[in-house]
Amino acid sequence: MKIRISNGENLTCKVYIHENKKEENFLVSIPDIFFSIQFDYDLYGESLVEHLYLHLFNILDHDDANELALRISQWTSET
């Protein structure tokens, strides 16, 4: 499990990222905003950012949701 800290302009939170290589997916959890999501390896790049943004936008404002979606996308592609 990776633990990353997202330091944004309005939001600072810990992001927990678990990679399940056997099932080829990621589980991302952000307890500070009561958010978690699971997605498969085949979701990456622009489509992943858009997918994450749509879910985060329900909780956060536009800028924070976009920034966090971009960071999560980058962190999950580092493996």
PDB file of N, CA and C in Angstrom:
ATOM      1  N   MET A   1       0.853  -1.171   0.000  1.00  0.00           N
ATOM      2  CA  MET A   1       0.000   0.000   0.000  1.00  0.00           C
ATOM      3  C   MET A   1       0.900   1.236   0.000  1.00  0.00           C
ATOM      4  N   LYS A   2       0.526   2.186  -0.838  1.00  0.00           N
ATOM      5  CA  LYS A   2       1.204   3.474  -0.871  1.00  0.00           C
ATOM      6  C   LYS A   2       0.366   4.466  -0.072  1.00  0.00           C
ATOM      7  N   ILE A   3       1.038   5.345   0.637  1.00  0.00           N
ATOM      8  CA  ILE A   3       0.358   6.440   1.317  1.00  0.00           C
ATOM      9  C   ILE A   3       0.991   7.728   0.817  1.00  0.00           C
ATOM     10  N   ARG A   4       0.177   8.569   0.228  1.00  0.00           N
ATOM     11  CA  ARG A   4       0.646   9.845  -0.312  1.00  0.00           C
ATOM     12  C   ARG A   4      -0.102  10.978   0.396  1.00  0.00           C
ATOM     13  N   ILE A   5       0.539  12.112   0.479  1.00  0.00           N
ATOM     14  CA  ILE A   5      -0.110  13.287   1.043  1.00  0.00           C
ATOM     15  C   ILE A   5      -0.338  14.280  -0.083  1.00  0.00           C
ATOM     16  N   SER A   6      -1.582  14.675  -0.233  1.00  0.00           N
ATOM     17  CA  SER A   6      -1.946  15.658  -1.237  1.00  0.00           C
ATOM     18  C   SER A   6      -2.053  17.017  -0.551  1.00  0.00           C
ATOM     19  N   ASN A   7      -1.149  17.921  -0.918  1.00  0.00           N
ATOM     20  CA  ASN A   7      -1.157  19.272  -0.368  1.00  0.00           C
ATOM     21  C   ASN A   7      -1.660  20.228  -1.428  1.00  0.00           C
ATOM     22  N   GLY A   8      -2.944  20.500  -1.385  1.00  0.00           N
ATOM     23  CA  GLY A   8      -3.539  21.426  -2.336  1.00  0.00           C
ATOM     24  C   GLY A   8      -3.703  22.799  -1.729  1.00  0.00           C
ATOM     25  N   GLU A   9      -4.229  23.709  -2.521  1.00  0.00           N
ATOM     26  CA  GLU A   9      -4.439  25.077  -2.050  1.00  0.00           C
ATOM     27  C   GLU A   9      -5.469  25.118  -0.925  1.00  0.00           C
ATOM     28  N   ASN A  10      -6.547  24.343  -1.064  1.00  0.00           N
ATOM     29  CA  ASN A  10      -7.625  24.345  -0.068  1.00  0.00           C
ATOM     30  C   ASN A  10      -7.758  23.037   0.694  1.00  0.00           C
ATOM     31  N   LEU A  11      -7.045  22.006   0.259  1.00  0.00           N
ATOM     32  CA  LEU A  11      -7.241  20.672   0.830  1.00  0.00           C
ATOM     33  C   LEU A  11      -5.915  19.961   1.030  1.00  0.00           C
ATOM     34  N   THR A  12      -5.698  19.469   2.228  1.00  0.00           N
ATOM     35  CA  THR A  12      -4.547  18.617   2.522  1.00  0.00           C
ATOM     36  C   THR A  12      -5.098  17.331   3.112  1.00  0.00           C
ATOM     37  N   CYS A  13      -4.727  16.193   2.501  1.00  0.00           N
ATOM     38  CA  CYS A  13      -5.253  14.916   2.971  1.00  0.00           C
ATOM     39  C   CYS A  13      -4.304  13.784   2.626  1.00  0.00           C
ATOM     40  N   LYS A  14      -4.439  12.682   3.355  1.00  0.00           N
ATOM     41  CA  LYS A  14      -3.687  11.464   3.059  1.00  0.00           C
ATOM     42  C   LYS A  14      -4.488  10.634   2.073  1.00  0.00           C
ATOM     43  N   VAL A  15      -3.779  10.084   1.080  1.00  0.00           N
ATOM     44  CA  VAL A  15      -4.405   9.245   0.065  1.00  0.00           C
ATOM     45  C   VAL A  15      -3.769   7.858   0.165  1.00  0.00           C
ATOM     46  N   TYR A  16      -4.590   6.850   0.407  1.00  0.00           N
ATOM     47  CA  TYR A  16      -4.123   5.474   0.534  1.00  0.00           C
ATOM     48  C   TYR A  16      -4.412   4.748  -0.776  1.00  0.00           C
ATOM     49  N   ILE A  17      -3.371   4.138  -1.351  1.00  0.00           N
ATOM     50  CA  ILE A  17      -3.514   3.465  -2.641  1.00  0.00           C
ATOM     51  C   ILE A  17      -3.059   2.023  -2.504  1.00  0.00           C
ATOM     52  N   HIS A  18      -3.979   1.113  -2.755  1.00  0.00           N
ATOM     53  CA  HIS A  18      -3.657  -0.318  -2.714  1.00  0.00           C
ATOM     54  C   HIS A  18      -3.782  -0.886  -4.123  1.00  0.00           C
ATOM     55  N   GLU A  19      -2.731  -1.556  -4.573  1.00  0.00           N
ATOM     56  CA  GLU A  19      -2.748  -2.192  -5.886  1.00  0.00           C
ATOM     57  C   GLU A  19      -2.937  -3.689  -5.707  1.00  0.00           C
ATOM     58  N   ASN A  20      -3.960  -4.240  -6.336  1.00  0.00           N
ATOM     59  CA  ASN A  20      -4.205  -5.674  -6.326  1.00  0.00           C
ATOM     60  C   ASN A  20      -3.778  -6.218  -7.689  1.00  0.00           C
ATOM     61  N   LYS A  21      -2.543  -6.716  -7.761  1.00  0.00           N
ATOM     62  CA  LYS A  21      -1.994  -7.170  -9.037  1.00  0.00           C
ATOM     63  C   LYS A  21      -2.713  -8.413  -9.558  1.00  0.00           C
ATOM     64  N   LYS A  22      -3.178  -9.262  -8.657  1.00  0.00           N
ATOM     65  CA  LYS A  22      -3.863 -10.484  -9.075  1.00  0.00           C
ATOM     66  C   LYS A  22      -5.167 -10.172  -9.804  1.00  0.00           C
ATOM     67  N   GLU A  23      -5.934  -9.210  -9.281  1.00  0.00           N
ATOM     68  CA  GLU A  23      -7.205  -8.840  -9.895  1.00  0.00           C
ATOM     69  C   GLU A  23      -7.081  -7.633 -10.820  1.00  0.00           C
ATOM     70  N   GLU A  24      -5.869  -7.092 -10.925  1.00  0.00           N
ATOM     71  CA  GLU A  24      -5.563  -5.976 -11.815  1.00  0.00           C
ATOM     72  C   GLU A  24      -6.446  -4.755 -11.569  1.00  0.00           C
ATOM     73  N   ASN A  25      -6.424  -4.287 -10.306  1.00  0.00           N
ATOM     74  CA  ASN A  25      -7.170  -3.074  -9.986  1.00  0.00           C
ATOM     75  C   ASN A  25      -6.510  -2.311  -8.849  1.00  0.00           C
ATOM     76  N   PHE A  26      -6.985  -1.118  -8.631  1.00  0.00           N
ATOM     77  CA  PHE A  26      -6.531  -0.256  -7.544  1.00  0.00           C
ATOM     78  C   PHE A  26      -7.704   0.051  -6.631  1.00  0.00           C
ATOM     79  N   LEU A  27      -7.396   0.213  -5.364  1.00  0.00           N
ATOM     80  CA  LEU A  27      -8.362   0.704  -4.389  1.00  0.00           C
ATOM     81  C   LEU A  27      -7.752   1.968  -3.799  1.00  0.00           C
ATOM     82  N   VAL A  28      -8.448   3.079  -3.927  1.00  0.00           N
ATOM     83  CA  VAL A  28      -7.978   4.366  -3.421  1.00  0.00           C
ATOM     84  C   VAL A  28      -8.938   4.817  -2.333  1.00  0.00           C
ATOM     85  N   SER A  29      -8.372   5.203  -1.198  1.00  0.00           N
ATOM     86  CA  SER A  29      -9.187   5.646  -0.076  1.00  0.00           C
ATOM     87  C   SER A  29      -8.643   6.966   0.466  1.00  0.00           C
ATOM     88  N   ILE A  30      -9.557   7.882   0.759  1.00  0.00           N
ATOM     89  CA  ILE A  30      -9.194   9.169   1.353  1.00  0.00           C
ATOM     90  C   ILE A  30     -10.119   9.372   2.552  1.00  0.00           C
ATOM     91  N   PRO A  31      -9.714   8.877   3.722  1.00  0.00           N
ATOM     92  CA  PRO A  31     -10.587   8.953   4.896  1.00  0.00           C
ATOM     93  C   PRO A  31     -10.979  10.368   5.304  1.00  0.00           C
ATOM     94  N   ASP A  32     -10.105  11.341   5.075  1.00  0.00           N
ATOM     95  CA  ASP A  32     -10.400  12.714   5.489  1.00  0.00           C
ATOM     96  C   ASP A  32     -11.651  13.285   4.832  1.00  0.00           C
ATOM     97  N   ILE A  33     -11.979  12.807   3.629  1.00  0.00           N
ATOM     98  CA  ILE A  33     -13.187  13.297   2.948  1.00  0.00           C
ATOM     99  C   ILE A  33     -14.218  12.185   2.755  1.00  0.00           C
ATOM    100  N   PHE A  34     -14.012  11.056   3.452  1.00  0.00           N
ATOM    101  CA  PHE A  34     -14.929   9.918   3.394  1.00  0.00           C
ATOM    102  C   PHE A  34     -15.134   9.437   1.956  1.00  0.00           C
ATOM    103  N   PHE A  35     -14.020   9.195   1.255  1.00  0.00           N
ATOM    104  CA  PHE A  35     -14.061   8.825  -0.159  1.00  0.00           C
ATOM    105  C   PHE A  35     -13.239   7.573  -0.393  1.00  0.00           C
ATOM    106  N   SER A  36     -13.778   6.665  -1.193  1.00  0.00           N
ATOM    107  CA  SER A  36     -13.001   5.521  -1.671  1.00  0.00           C
ATOM    108  C   SER A  36     -13.549   5.105  -3.029  1.00  0.00           C
ATOM    109  N   ILE A  37     -12.655   4.523  -3.820  1.00  0.00           N
ATOM    110  CA  ILE A  37     -13.040   4.099  -5.162  1.00  0.00           C
ATOM    111  C   ILE A  37     -12.123   2.955  -5.590  1.00  0.00           C
ATOM    112  N   GLN A  38     -12.668   2.069  -6.380  1.00  0.00           N
ATOM    113  CA  GLN A  38     -11.909   0.959  -6.951  1.00  0.00           C
ATOM    114  C   GLN A  38     -12.026   1.057  -8.463  1.00  0.00           C
ATOM    115  N   PHE A  39     -10.900   0.861  -9.158  1.00  0.00           N
ATOM    116  CA  PHE A  39     -10.933   0.893 -10.618  1.00  0.00           C
ATOM    117  C   PHE A  39      -9.891  -0.065 -11.184  1.00  0.00           C
ATOM    118  N   ASP A  40     -10.180  -0.564 -12.388  1.00  0.00           N
ATOM    119  CA  ASP A  40      -9.324  -1.547 -13.054  1.00  0.00           C
ATOM    120  C   ASP A  40      -8.156  -0.889 -13.768  1.00  0.00           C
ATOM    121  N   TYR A  41      -7.155  -1.716 -14.102  1.00  0.00           N
ATOM    122  CA  TYR A  41      -5.979  -1.243 -14.830  1.00  0.00           C
ATOM    123  C   TYR A  41      -6.350  -0.635 -16.181  1.00  0.00           C
ATOM    124  N   ASP A  42      -7.408  -1.142 -16.809  1.00  0.00           N
ATOM    125  CA  ASP A  42      -7.739  -0.669 -18.160  1.00  0.00           C
ATOM    126  C   ASP A  42      -8.265   0.774 -18.174  1.00  0.00           C
ATOM    127  N   LEU A  43      -8.483   1.350 -17.014  1.00  0.00           N
ATOM    128  CA  LEU A  43      -8.889   2.751 -16.910  1.00  0.00           C
ATOM    129  C   LEU A  43      -7.637   3.562 -16.572  1.00  0.00           C
ATOM    130  N   TYR A  44      -7.143   4.340 -17.524  1.00  0.00           N
ATOM    131  CA  TYR A  44      -5.913   5.101 -17.300  1.00  0.00           C
ATOM    132  C   TYR A  44      -5.918   6.369 -18.152  1.00  0.00           C
ATOM    133  N   GLY A  45      -4.967   7.241 -17.878  1.00  0.00           N
ATOM    134  CA  GLY A  45      -4.825   8.472 -18.651  1.00  0.00           C
ATOM    135  C   GLY A  45      -5.990   9.421 -18.445  1.00  0.00           C
ATOM    136  N   GLU A  46      -6.399  10.048 -19.550  1.00  0.00           N
ATOM    137  CA  GLU A  46      -7.485  11.039 -19.511  1.00  0.00           C
ATOM    138  C   GLU A  46      -8.791  10.440 -19.001  1.00  0.00           C
ATOM    139  N   SER A  47      -9.080   9.199 -19.380  1.00  0.00           N
ATOM    140  CA  SER A  47     -10.341   8.589 -18.950  1.00  0.00           C
ATOM    141  C   SER A  47     -10.352   8.350 -17.441  1.00  0.00           C
ATOM    142  N   LEU A  48      -9.192   8.022 -16.869  1.00  0.00           N
ATOM    143  CA  LEU A  48      -9.110   7.846 -15.414  1.00  0.00           C
ATOM    144  C   LEU A  48      -9.300   9.179 -14.701  1.00  0.00           C
ATOM    145  N   VAL A  49      -8.642  10.212 -15.182  1.00  0.00           N
ATOM    146  CA  VAL A  49      -8.779  11.533 -14.570  1.00  0.00           C
ATOM    147  C   VAL A  49     -10.240  11.978 -14.605  1.00  0.00           C
ATOM    148  N   GLU A  50     -10.892  11.800 -15.729  1.00  0.00           N
ATOM    149  CA  GLU A  50     -12.300  12.188 -15.856  1.00  0.00           C
ATOM    150  C   GLU A  50     -13.186  11.377 -14.907  1.00  0.00           C
ATOM    151  N   HIS A  51     -12.935  10.067 -14.840  1.00  0.00           N
ATOM    152  CA  HIS A  51     -13.705   9.182 -13.954  1.00  0.00           C
ATOM    153  C   HIS A  51     -13.553   9.611 -12.494  1.00  0.00           C
ATOM    154  N   LEU A  52     -12.314   9.841 -12.072  1.00  0.00           N
ATOM    155  CA  LEU A  52     -12.059  10.268 -10.696  1.00  0.00           C
ATOM    156  C   LEU A  52     -12.680  11.631 -10.420  1.00  0.00           C
ATOM    157  N   TYR A  53     -12.533  12.536 -11.372  1.00  0.00           N
ATOM    158  CA  TYR A  53     -13.086  13.888 -11.210  1.00  0.00           C
ATOM    159  C   TYR A  53     -14.597  13.841 -10.992  1.00  0.00           C
ATOM    160  N   LEU A  54     -15.294  13.037 -11.779  1.00  0.00           N
ATOM    161  CA  LEU A  54     -16.750  12.957 -11.657  1.00  0.00           C
ATOM    162  C   LEU A  54     -17.178  12.488 -10.267  1.00  0.00           C
ATOM    163  N   HIS A  55     -16.408  11.576  -9.685  1.00  0.00           N
ATOM    164  CA  HIS A  55     -16.744  11.090  -8.349  1.00  0.00           C
ATOM    165  C   HIS A  55     -16.330  12.083  -7.268  1.00  0.00           C
ATOM    166  N   LEU A  56     -15.175  12.718  -7.434  1.00  0.00           N
ATOM    167  CA  LEU A  56     -14.699  13.674  -6.444  1.00  0.00           C
ATOM    168  C   LEU A  56     -15.499  14.971  -6.460  1.00  0.00           C
ATOM    169  N   PHE A  57     -16.035  15.326  -7.623  1.00  0.00           N
ATOM    170  CA  PHE A  57     -16.793  16.569  -7.756  1.00  0.00           C
ATOM    171  C   PHE A  57     -18.052  16.556  -6.894  1.00  0.00           C
ATOM    172  N   ASN A  58     -18.551  15.382  -6.548  1.00  0.00           N
ATOM    173  CA  ASN A  58     -19.712  15.280  -5.653  1.00  0.00           C
ATOM    174  C   ASN A  58     -19.371  15.713  -4.230  1.00  0.00           C
ATOM    175  N   ILE A  59     -18.077  15.683  -3.890  1.00  0.00           N
ATOM    176  CA  ILE A  59     -17.628  15.968  -2.529  1.00  0.00           C
ATOM    177  C   ILE A  59     -16.886  17.296  -2.440  1.00  0.00           C
ATOM    178  N   LEU A  60     -16.101  17.603  -3.467  1.00  0.00           N
ATOM    179  CA  LEU A  60     -15.209  18.762  -3.457  1.00  0.00           C
ATOM    180  C   LEU A  60     -15.608  19.781  -4.518  1.00  0.00           C
ATOM    181  N   ASP A  61     -15.026  20.969  -4.442  1.00  0.00           N
ATOM    182  CA  ASP A  61     -15.276  21.947  -5.496  1.00  0.00           C
ATOM    183  C   ASP A  61     -14.465  21.580  -6.745  1.00  0.00           C
ATOM    184  N   HIS A  62     -14.712  22.288  -7.820  1.00  0.00           N
ATOM    185  CA  HIS A  62     -14.121  21.972  -9.125  1.00  0.00           C
ATOM    186  C   HIS A  62     -12.597  21.883  -9.086  1.00  0.00           C
ATOM    187  N   ASP A  63     -11.943  22.901  -8.546  1.00  0.00           N
ATOM    188  CA  ASP A  63     -10.479  22.948  -8.555  1.00  0.00           C
ATOM    189  C   ASP A  63      -9.858  21.831  -7.719  1.00  0.00           C
ATOM    190  N   ASP A  64     -10.378  21.617  -6.515  1.00  0.00           N
ATOM    191  CA  ASP A  64      -9.841  20.563  -5.647  1.00  0.00           C
ATOM    192  C   ASP A  64     -10.075  19.185  -6.245  1.00  0.00           C
ATOM    193  N   ALA A  65     -11.250  18.962  -6.828  1.00  0.00           N
ATOM    194  CA  ALA A  65     -11.560  17.668  -7.436  1.00  0.00           C
ATOM    195  C   ALA A  65     -10.639  17.391  -8.620  1.00  0.00           C
ATOM    196  N   ASN A  66     -10.417  18.388  -9.441  1.00  0.00           N
ATOM    197  CA  ASN A  66      -9.549  18.223 -10.607  1.00  0.00           C
ATOM    198  C   ASN A  66      -8.099  17.969 -10.188  1.00  0.00           C
ATOM    199  N   GLU A  67      -7.606  18.734  -9.236  1.00  0.00           N
ATOM    200  CA  GLU A  67      -6.233  18.581  -8.766  1.00  0.00           C
ATOM    201  C   GLU A  67      -6.006  17.201  -8.151  1.00  0.00           C
ATOM    202  N   LEU A  68      -6.931  16.763  -7.326  1.00  0.00           N
ATOM    203  CA  LEU A  68      -6.807  15.462  -6.679  1.00  0.00           C
ATOM    204  C   LEU A  68      -6.931  14.324  -7.692  1.00  0.00           C
ATOM    205  N   ALA A  69      -7.812  14.448  -8.655  1.00  0.00           N
ATOM    206  CA  ALA A  69      -7.943  13.428  -9.705  1.00  0.00           C
ATOM    207  C   ALA A  69      -6.656  13.295 -10.497  1.00  0.00           C
ATOM    208  N   LEU A  70      -6.035  14.405 -10.835  1.00  0.00           N
ATOM    209  CA  LEU A  70      -4.759  14.365 -11.561  1.00  0.00           C
ATOM    210  C   LEU A  70      -3.661  13.708 -10.730  1.00  0.00           C
ATOM    211  N   ARG A  71      -3.612  14.023  -9.451  1.00  0.00           N
ATOM    212  CA  ARG A  71      -2.583  13.430  -8.579  1.00  0.00           C
ATOM    213  C   ARG A  71      -2.791  11.931  -8.415  1.00  0.00           C
ATOM    214  N   ILE A  72      -4.018  11.510  -8.202  1.00  0.00           N
ATOM    215  CA  ILE A  72      -4.285  10.073  -8.048  1.00  0.00           C
ATOM    216  C   ILE A  72      -3.922   9.329  -9.328  1.00  0.00           C
ATOM    217  N   SER A  73      -4.264   9.900 -10.460  1.00  0.00           N
ATOM    218  CA  SER A  73      -3.919   9.294 -11.742  1.00  0.00           C
ATOM    219  C   SER A  73      -2.414   9.145 -11.881  1.00  0.00           C
ATOM    220  N   GLN A  74      -1.677  10.168 -11.511  1.00  0.00           N
ATOM    221  CA  GLN A  74      -0.218  10.117 -11.586  1.00  0.00           C
ATOM    222  C   GLN A  74       0.342   9.071 -10.624  1.00  0.00           C
ATOM    223  N   TRP A  75      -0.142   9.061  -9.386  1.00  0.00           N
ATOM    224  CA  TRP A  75       0.363   8.128  -8.378  1.00  0.00           C
ATOM    225  C   TRP A  75       0.081   6.679  -8.759  1.00  0.00           C
ATOM    226  N   THR A  76      -1.064   6.391  -9.345  1.00  0.00           N
ATOM    227  CA  THR A  76      -1.378   5.007  -9.716  1.00  0.00           C
ATOM    228  C   THR A  76      -0.622   4.564 -10.959  1.00  0.00           C
ATOM    229  N   SER A  77      -0.118   5.502 -11.746  1.00  0.00           N
ATOM    230  CA  SER A  77       0.654   5.121 -12.925  1.00  0.00           C
ATOM    231  C   SER A  77       2.142   4.947 -12.610  1.00  0.00           C
ATOM    232  N   GLU A  78       2.567   5.260 -11.386  1.00  0.00           N
ATOM    233  CA  GLU A  78       3.970   5.148 -10.980  1.00  0.00           C
ATOM    234  C   GLU A  78       4.427   3.720 -10.740  1.00  0.00           C
ATOM    235  N   THR A  79       3.535   2.794 -10.614  1.00  0.00           N
ATOM    236  CA  THR A  79       3.896   1.435 -10.195  1.00  0.00           C
ATOM    237  C   THR A  79       4.763   0.688 -11.162  1.00  0.00           C
TER     238      THR A  79
END
